[in-house]
Amino acid sequence: MNAANMGKMMKQMQKLQAEMARVQEELASARIEVRAGGGVVRAVANGHGELVEIEIDPSVVDPADVGLLADLVLAAVNEAQRNARSMAESRMGALTGGLQIPGMP
């Protein structure tokens, strides 16, 4: 590989790094909202899959059936995280052309 090709490849890598950083920032500010139990539990995750908000309708809080509430919360959180992973994989895949880069979604 000659110096001109090496320089061109380095520029492409720098561009890819900048684009990946931009997508990472977008994912950090993205919000994925999911509702469970007919809307009584709402979970919001960012594009990295981190839970950033949870809302529970007081009408679903029954001290005699805490298990149901726990199931609804888990369902909402798990779906929000799945959707966030899917979004991240899609956006990063568009940049990398489907190339799997270690440490990236």
N, C-alpha and C. Protein backbone atom coordinates (compact mmCIF):
# COMPACT_ATOMS: atom_id res chain seq x y z
N MET A 1 0.85 -1.18 0.00
CA MET A 1 0.00 0.00 0.00
C MET A 1 0.90 1.24 0.00
N ASN A 2 0.63 2.13 -0.92
CA ASN A 2 1.47 3.33 -1.00
C ASN A 2 0.97 4.41 -0.04
N ALA A 3 1.75 5.45 0.10
CA ALA A 3 1.45 6.53 1.06
C ALA A 3 0.14 7.24 0.72
N ALA A 4 -0.16 7.42 -0.56
CA ALA A 4 -1.39 8.11 -0.97
C ALA A 4 -2.61 7.29 -0.54
N ASN A 5 -2.55 5.97 -0.78
CA ASN A 5 -3.66 5.11 -0.38
C ASN A 5 -3.80 5.06 1.13
N MET A 6 -2.67 5.02 1.83
CA MET A 6 -2.69 5.01 3.29
C MET A 6 -3.32 6.29 3.83
N GLY A 7 -2.97 7.41 3.25
CA GLY A 7 -3.54 8.69 3.66
C GLY A 7 -5.03 8.75 3.42
N LYS A 8 -5.45 8.23 2.27
CA LYS A 8 -6.88 8.20 1.94
C LYS A 8 -7.63 7.32 2.93
N MET A 9 -7.06 6.16 3.25
CA MET A 9 -7.69 5.25 4.20
C MET A 9 -7.79 5.89 5.59
N MET A 10 -6.75 6.61 5.99
CA MET A 10 -6.77 7.27 7.30
C MET A 10 -7.87 8.34 7.35
N LYS A 11 -8.03 9.08 6.26
CA LYS A 11 -9.10 10.09 6.20
C LYS A 11 -10.47 9.43 6.32
N GLN A 12 -10.63 8.30 5.64
CA GLN A 12 -11.91 7.58 5.71
C GLN A 12 -12.17 7.08 7.13
N MET A 13 -11.14 6.60 7.79
CA MET A 13 -11.29 6.13 9.17
C MET A 13 -11.64 7.28 10.10
N GLN A 14 -11.01 8.43 9.91
CA GLN A 14 -11.32 9.59 10.74
C GLN A 14 -12.77 10.03 10.53
N LYS A 15 -13.21 9.99 9.26
CA LYS A 15 -14.59 10.36 8.96
C LYS A 15 -15.55 9.38 9.63
N LEU A 16 -15.23 8.09 9.55
CA LEU A 16 -16.07 7.06 10.18
C LEU A 16 -16.12 7.27 11.70
N GLN A 17 -14.97 7.58 12.30
CA GLN A 17 -14.94 7.83 13.75
C GLN A 17 -15.81 9.01 14.12
N ALA A 18 -15.75 10.07 13.33
CA ALA A 18 -16.57 11.26 13.60
C ALA A 18 -18.05 10.92 13.47
N GLU A 19 -18.40 10.17 12.44
CA GLU A 19 -19.80 9.77 12.25
C GLU A 19 -20.28 8.88 13.39
N MET A 20 -19.43 7.97 13.83
CA MET A 20 -19.79 7.09 14.94
C MET A 20 -19.99 7.89 16.22
N ALA A 21 -19.15 8.88 16.45
CA ALA A 21 -19.30 9.73 17.63
C ALA A 21 -20.62 10.50 17.56
N ARG A 22 -20.96 10.98 16.36
CA ARG A 22 -22.22 11.71 16.19
C ARG A 22 -23.41 10.79 16.48
N VAL A 23 -23.37 9.57 15.97
CA VAL A 23 -24.46 8.62 16.20
C VAL A 23 -24.55 8.28 17.68
N GLN A 24 -23.42 8.10 18.35
CA GLN A 24 -23.42 7.81 19.80
C GLN A 24 -24.10 8.95 20.56
N GLU A 25 -23.82 10.20 20.17
CA GLU A 25 -24.47 11.35 20.82
C GLU A 25 -25.97 11.34 20.55
N GLU A 26 -26.35 11.03 19.32
CA GLU A 26 -27.78 10.96 18.99
C GLU A 26 -28.48 9.87 19.81
N LEU A 27 -27.81 8.72 19.95
CA LEU A 27 -28.40 7.64 20.73
C LEU A 27 -28.56 8.04 22.20
N ALA A 28 -27.60 8.79 22.72
CA ALA A 28 -27.68 9.22 24.12
C ALA A 28 -28.88 10.13 24.34
N SER A 29 -29.24 10.92 23.34
CA SER A 29 -30.36 11.84 23.52
C SER A 29 -31.68 11.28 22.99
N ALA A 30 -31.64 10.16 22.28
CA ALA A 30 -32.87 9.54 21.78
C ALA A 30 -33.70 9.00 22.94
N ARG A 31 -35.00 8.98 22.76
CA ARG A 31 -35.88 8.45 23.79
C ARG A 31 -36.81 7.41 23.16
N ILE A 32 -36.84 6.23 23.75
CA ILE A 32 -37.71 5.15 23.32
C ILE A 32 -38.72 4.93 24.44
N GLU A 33 -39.97 5.15 24.14
CA GLU A 33 -41.03 5.04 25.15
C GLU A 33 -41.86 3.79 24.88
N VAL A 34 -42.11 3.04 25.94
CA VAL A 34 -42.90 1.81 25.85
C VAL A 34 -43.92 1.82 26.98
N ARG A 35 -45.11 1.34 26.66
CA ARG A 35 -46.16 1.23 27.67
C ARG A 35 -46.54 -0.24 27.83
N ALA A 36 -46.88 -0.61 29.05
CA ALA A 36 -47.30 -1.99 29.34
C ALA A 36 -48.59 -1.95 30.15
N GLY A 37 -49.31 -3.05 30.13
CA GLY A 37 -50.54 -3.15 30.91
C GLY A 37 -51.59 -2.16 30.47
N GLY A 38 -51.69 -1.96 29.17
CA GLY A 38 -52.69 -1.02 28.67
C GLY A 38 -52.34 0.42 28.96
N GLY A 39 -51.08 0.69 29.21
CA GLY A 39 -50.62 2.06 29.42
C GLY A 39 -50.43 2.44 30.87
N VAL A 40 -50.63 1.52 31.81
CA VAL A 40 -50.51 1.88 33.22
C VAL A 40 -49.06 1.96 33.69
N VAL A 41 -48.16 1.34 32.92
CA VAL A 41 -46.73 1.44 33.22
C VAL A 41 -46.05 1.95 31.97
N ARG A 42 -45.23 3.00 32.14
CA ARG A 42 -44.51 3.58 31.01
C ARG A 42 -43.03 3.59 31.35
N ALA A 43 -42.22 3.05 30.43
CA ALA A 43 -40.77 3.06 30.61
C ALA A 43 -40.15 3.81 29.44
N VAL A 44 -39.15 4.62 29.75
CA VAL A 44 -38.43 5.37 28.71
C VAL A 44 -36.96 5.07 28.85
N ALA A 45 -36.36 4.66 27.74
CA ALA A 45 -34.92 4.38 27.70
C ALA A 45 -34.29 5.29 26.67
N ASN A 46 -32.98 5.54 26.83
CA ASN A 46 -32.28 6.27 25.78
C ASN A 46 -31.81 5.27 24.73
N GLY A 47 -31.16 5.75 23.70
CA GLY A 47 -30.73 4.89 22.61
C GLY A 47 -29.63 3.91 22.99
N HIS A 48 -29.06 4.08 24.17
CA HIS A 48 -28.07 3.13 24.67
C HIS A 48 -28.72 2.03 25.51
N GLY A 49 -30.04 2.12 25.68
CA GLY A 49 -30.76 1.12 26.45
C GLY A 49 -30.81 1.40 27.94
N GLU A 50 -30.36 2.58 28.34
CA GLU A 50 -30.38 2.94 29.76
C GLU A 50 -31.76 3.48 30.11
N LEU A 51 -32.34 2.98 31.17
CA LEU A 51 -33.64 3.44 31.62
C LEU A 51 -33.50 4.86 32.16
N VAL A 52 -34.26 5.80 31.61
CA VAL A 52 -34.15 7.19 32.03
C VAL A 52 -35.41 7.70 32.74
N GLU A 53 -36.50 6.95 32.59
CA GLU A 53 -37.74 7.38 33.24
C GLU A 53 -38.67 6.18 33.35
N ILE A 54 -39.42 6.17 34.44
CA ILE A 54 -40.48 5.16 34.59
C ILE A 54 -41.66 5.84 35.26
N GLU A 55 -42.83 5.51 34.79
CA GLU A 55 -44.05 6.12 35.32
C GLU A 55 -45.05 5.00 35.57
N ILE A 56 -45.66 5.02 36.74
CA ILE A 56 -46.64 4.00 37.11
C ILE A 56 -47.93 4.69 37.51
N ASP A 57 -49.01 4.32 36.86
CA ASP A 57 -50.32 4.87 37.19
C ASP A 57 -50.69 4.37 38.59
N PRO A 58 -51.04 5.27 39.50
CA PRO A 58 -51.38 4.85 40.86
C PRO A 58 -52.50 3.82 40.94
N SER A 59 -53.36 3.78 39.94
CA SER A 59 -54.48 2.84 39.96
C SER A 59 -54.01 1.38 39.89
N VAL A 60 -52.79 1.14 39.42
CA VAL A 60 -52.29 -0.23 39.29
C VAL A 60 -51.54 -0.68 40.54
N VAL A 61 -51.31 0.23 41.46
CA VAL A 61 -50.58 -0.12 42.69
C VAL A 61 -51.56 -0.76 43.68
N ASP A 62 -51.44 -2.07 43.78
CA ASP A 62 -52.28 -2.84 44.68
C ASP A 62 -51.36 -3.61 45.63
N PRO A 63 -51.33 -3.21 46.91
CA PRO A 63 -50.43 -3.89 47.85
C PRO A 63 -50.66 -5.39 47.92
N ALA A 64 -51.84 -5.84 47.54
CA ALA A 64 -52.13 -7.27 47.59
C ALA A 64 -51.61 -8.00 46.36
N ASP A 65 -51.19 -7.25 45.33
CA ASP A 65 -50.71 -7.90 44.10
C ASP A 65 -49.49 -7.17 43.55
N VAL A 66 -48.46 -7.12 44.34
CA VAL A 66 -47.22 -6.46 43.95
C VAL A 66 -46.57 -7.20 42.78
N GLY A 67 -46.79 -8.49 42.69
CA GLY A 67 -46.22 -9.29 41.61
C GLY A 67 -46.67 -8.82 40.24
N LEU A 68 -47.93 -8.45 40.11
CA LEU A 68 -48.44 -7.95 38.83
C LEU A 68 -47.73 -6.67 38.46
N LEU A 69 -47.57 -5.76 39.40
CA LEU A 69 -46.88 -4.50 39.13
C LEU A 69 -45.44 -4.76 38.70
N ALA A 70 -44.77 -5.67 39.39
CA ALA A 70 -43.38 -6.00 39.04
C ALA A 70 -43.32 -6.56 37.62
N ASP A 71 -44.27 -7.42 37.26
CA ASP A 71 -44.30 -8.00 35.91
C ASP A 71 -44.50 -6.92 34.85
N LEU A 72 -45.39 -5.97 35.12
CA LEU A 72 -45.64 -4.88 34.18
C LEU A 72 -44.40 -4.01 34.00
N VAL A 73 -43.73 -3.70 35.11
CA VAL A 73 -42.52 -2.88 35.05
C VAL A 73 -41.44 -3.61 34.25
N LEU A 74 -41.24 -4.89 34.55
CA LEU A 74 -40.24 -5.67 33.81
C LEU A 74 -40.57 -5.73 32.31
N ALA A 75 -41.82 -5.91 31.97
CA ALA A 75 -42.21 -5.99 30.56
C ALA A 75 -41.91 -4.67 29.85
N ALA A 76 -42.25 -3.56 30.48
CA ALA A 76 -42.02 -2.26 29.86
C ALA A 76 -40.52 -1.98 29.72
N VAL A 77 -39.75 -2.24 30.77
CA VAL A 77 -38.31 -1.98 30.74
C VAL A 77 -37.62 -2.86 29.71
N ASN A 78 -37.95 -4.14 29.69
CA ASN A 78 -37.32 -5.05 28.74
C ASN A 78 -37.62 -4.66 27.30
N GLU A 79 -38.86 -4.28 27.03
CA GLU A 79 -39.20 -3.89 25.66
C GLU A 79 -38.50 -2.59 25.28
N ALA A 80 -38.42 -1.64 26.20
CA ALA A 80 -37.72 -0.38 25.91
C ALA A 80 -36.25 -0.66 25.60
N GLN A 81 -35.63 -1.54 26.36
CA GLN A 81 -34.22 -1.86 26.12
C GLN A 81 -34.03 -2.61 24.81
N ARG A 82 -34.94 -3.52 24.48
CA ARG A 82 -34.86 -4.23 23.19
C ARG A 82 -34.98 -3.24 22.04
N ASN A 83 -35.93 -2.33 22.14
CA ASN A 83 -36.13 -1.34 21.08
C ASN A 83 -34.91 -0.43 20.95
N ALA A 84 -34.30 -0.08 22.08
CA ALA A 84 -33.10 0.77 22.05
C ALA A 84 -31.95 0.04 21.38
N ARG A 85 -31.76 -1.25 21.71
CA ARG A 85 -30.69 -2.03 21.06
C ARG A 85 -30.92 -2.11 19.56
N SER A 86 -32.16 -2.34 19.17
CA SER A 86 -32.49 -2.43 17.76
C SER A 86 -32.19 -1.11 17.05
N MET A 87 -32.55 0.01 17.67
CA MET A 87 -32.27 1.32 17.09
C MET A 87 -30.77 1.53 16.94
N ALA A 88 -30.02 1.21 17.99
CA ALA A 88 -28.57 1.40 17.96
C ALA A 88 -27.94 0.53 16.88
N GLU A 89 -28.35 -0.74 16.78
CA GLU A 89 -27.80 -1.63 15.77
C GLU A 89 -28.10 -1.12 14.37
N SER A 90 -29.30 -0.61 14.18
CA SER A 90 -29.69 -0.09 12.87
C SER A 90 -28.87 1.13 12.49
N ARG A 91 -28.74 2.07 13.41
CA ARG A 91 -27.99 3.30 13.10
C ARG A 91 -26.50 3.04 12.92
N MET A 92 -25.93 2.19 13.74
CA MET A 92 -24.51 1.88 13.60
C MET A 92 -24.28 1.01 12.36
N GLY A 93 -25.19 0.11 12.08
CA GLY A 93 -25.06 -0.73 10.89
C GLY A 93 -25.06 0.09 9.62
N ALA A 94 -25.83 1.17 9.62
CA ALA A 94 -25.86 2.05 8.45
C ALA A 94 -24.49 2.69 8.23
N LEU A 95 -23.78 2.96 9.30
CA LEU A 95 -22.44 3.56 9.19
C LEU A 95 -21.39 2.55 8.79
N THR A 96 -21.46 1.38 9.36
CA THR A 96 -20.38 0.40 9.17
C THR A 96 -20.67 -0.58 8.04
N GLY A 97 -21.82 -0.44 7.41
CA GLY A 97 -22.16 -1.35 6.33
C GLY A 97 -22.34 -2.78 6.81
N GLY A 98 -22.76 -2.94 8.05
CA GLY A 98 -22.98 -4.26 8.62
C GLY A 98 -21.73 -4.89 9.21
N LEU A 99 -20.60 -4.21 9.10
CA LEU A 99 -19.35 -4.72 9.68
C LEU A 99 -19.46 -4.68 11.20
N GLN A 100 -19.23 -5.81 11.84
CA GLN A 100 -19.28 -5.88 13.30
C GLN A 100 -17.98 -5.38 13.90
N ILE A 101 -18.06 -4.27 14.62
CA ILE A 101 -16.89 -3.68 15.26
C ILE A 101 -16.99 -3.98 16.75
N PRO A 102 -15.98 -4.61 17.33
CA PRO A 102 -16.04 -4.96 18.75
C PRO A 102 -16.34 -3.73 19.62
N GLY A 103 -17.25 -3.93 20.57
CA GLY A 103 -17.62 -2.85 21.48
C GLY A 103 -18.69 -1.93 20.97
N MET A 104 -19.15 -2.15 19.75
CA MET A 104 -20.19 -1.30 19.17
C MET A 104 -21.46 -2.13 19.03
N PRO A 105 -22.63 -1.48 19.15
CA PRO A 105 -23.89 -2.20 19.00
C PRO A 105 -24.05 -2.80 17.61
